[in-house]
Amino acid sequence: MGMAARMLRHARRSAGLTQRALASTSGIPQETIARIESGRVDPRISTLDRLLEGCGQGLEHLPRLGLGIDRAQIRERLALDPDERLIRAIEEDRQMLDFRTNLRRVAE
């Protein structure tokens, strides 16, 4: 099932609408809504927007999680052997504890 299908089905169910009710409010046939929700067709952006609007939602430009992440640190860690990773993790945990302790002192 594609992203559009999941978005539409979630929006429609969250709005408490049946496919037939959404068809009535959006002006898009129920059969089309069923094909979109089943993933048999991918709607045009304008169609998806109309359907989501009928559910009280809309398309918004939001960053996708996981995109734009600098994976250099991940690759660097994976290049270490497990013992080295553990040593670094313990050291970073100690640094974080020291940081929190110092932060509390400053706040007092």
Protein backbone atom coordinates (compact mmCIF):
# COMPACT_ATOMS: atom_id res chain seq x y z
CA MET A 1 0.00 0.00 0.00
CA GLY A 2 1.40 3.37 -1.01
CA MET A 3 1.82 6.54 1.01
CA ALA A 4 -1.27 8.18 -0.53
CA ALA A 5 -3.40 5.15 0.35
CA ARG A 6 -2.22 5.17 3.97
CA MET A 7 -2.67 8.93 4.30
CA LEU A 8 -6.17 8.88 2.90
CA ARG A 9 -7.36 5.89 4.89
CA HIS A 10 -5.95 7.33 8.12
CA ALA A 11 -7.47 10.77 7.48
CA ARG A 12 -10.86 9.34 6.55
CA ARG A 13 -11.03 7.04 9.56
CA SER A 14 -9.82 9.79 11.89
CA ALA A 15 -12.62 12.01 10.58
CA GLY A 16 -15.13 9.20 11.19
CA LEU A 17 -16.19 9.14 7.54
CA THR A 18 -17.17 6.27 5.31
CA GLN A 19 -15.90 6.21 1.75
CA ARG A 20 -19.42 7.07 0.61
CA ALA A 21 -19.61 10.09 2.94
CA LEU A 22 -16.20 11.31 1.80
CA ALA A 23 -17.30 10.90 -1.83
CA SER A 24 -20.32 13.06 -1.12
CA THR A 25 -18.33 15.86 0.52
CA SER A 26 -15.39 15.82 -1.89
CA GLY A 27 -17.20 15.22 -5.15
CA ILE A 28 -14.91 12.30 -5.98
CA PRO A 29 -16.60 8.96 -6.69
CA GLN A 30 -16.56 6.33 -3.96
CA GLU A 31 -15.10 3.81 -6.39
CA THR A 32 -12.10 6.10 -6.95
CA ILE A 33 -11.61 6.47 -3.21
CA ALA A 34 -11.70 2.68 -2.83
CA ARG A 35 -9.10 2.23 -5.59
CA ILE A 36 -6.82 4.83 -3.96
CA GLU A 37 -7.15 3.33 -0.48
CA SER A 38 -6.47 -0.18 -1.78
CA GLY A 39 -3.33 1.07 -3.51
CA ARG A 40 -4.53 0.11 -6.98
CA VAL A 41 -4.07 3.68 -8.23
CA ASP A 42 -1.98 6.67 -7.16
CA PRO A 43 -4.03 9.86 -7.19
CA ARG A 44 -2.97 13.19 -8.57
CA ILE A 45 -1.83 15.64 -5.92
CA SER A 46 -4.93 17.79 -6.49
CA THR A 47 -7.21 14.75 -6.01
CA LEU A 48 -5.46 13.69 -2.82
CA ASP A 49 -5.62 17.25 -1.52
CA ARG A 50 -9.38 17.42 -2.19
CA LEU A 51 -9.94 14.12 -0.42
CA LEU A 52 -7.84 15.09 2.57
CA GLU A 53 -9.62 18.44 2.70
CA GLY A 54 -12.91 16.53 2.84
CA CYS A 55 -11.53 14.82 5.95
CA GLY A 56 -10.58 18.13 7.54
CA GLN A 57 -6.90 17.75 6.71
CA GLY A 58 -4.60 18.78 3.90
CA LEU A 59 -1.28 18.23 2.27
CA GLU A 60 1.54 20.05 4.00
CA HIS A 61 5.20 20.25 3.20
CA LEU A 62 6.93 18.61 6.16
CA PRO A 63 10.45 17.23 6.36
CA ARG A 64 10.60 13.46 6.14
CA LEU A 65 12.23 11.81 9.12
CA GLY A 66 15.60 10.36 8.35
CA LEU A 67 16.33 12.56 5.36
CA GLY A 68 19.13 15.05 5.65
CA ILE A 69 20.88 13.13 8.41
CA ASP A 70 24.66 13.22 8.37
CA ARG A 71 25.51 9.55 8.39
CA ALA A 72 29.26 10.15 8.73
CA GLN A 73 29.18 9.56 12.49
CA ILE A 74 27.18 6.38 12.04
CA ARG A 75 29.67 5.05 9.51
CA GLU A 76 32.55 6.05 11.79
CA ARG A 77 31.05 4.12 14.71
CA LEU A 78 30.32 1.07 12.61
CA ALA A 79 33.94 1.02 11.47
CA LEU A 80 35.03 0.50 15.09
CA ASP A 81 35.15 -2.95 16.59
CA PRO A 82 32.55 -3.68 19.31
CA ASP A 83 35.00 -3.17 22.19
CA GLU A 84 36.01 0.27 20.88
CA ARG A 85 32.35 1.22 20.46
CA LEU A 86 31.63 0.19 24.03
CA ILE A 87 34.61 2.15 25.39
CA ARG A 88 33.45 5.27 23.49
CA ALA A 89 29.87 4.86 24.66
CA ILE A 90 30.97 4.58 28.31
CA GLU A 91 33.20 7.65 27.96
CA GLU A 92 30.41 9.67 26.33
CA ASP A 93 28.01 8.58 29.08
CA ARG A 94 30.49 9.82 31.71
CA GLN A 95 30.80 13.12 29.84
CA MET A 96 27.02 13.48 29.77
CA LEU A 97 26.76 12.78 33.49
CA ASP A 98 29.47 15.38 34.19
CA PHE A 99 27.67 17.86 31.97
CA ARG A 100 24.36 17.32 33.80
CA THR A 101 26.09 17.64 37.20
CA ASN A 102 27.73 20.91 36.16
CA LEU A 103 24.47 22.18 34.72
CA ARG A 104 22.70 21.57 38.02
CA ARG A 105 25.43 23.46 39.90
CA VAL A 106 25.08 26.43 37.56
CA ALA A 107 21.29 26.39 37.95
CA GLU A 108 21.49 26.48 41.76
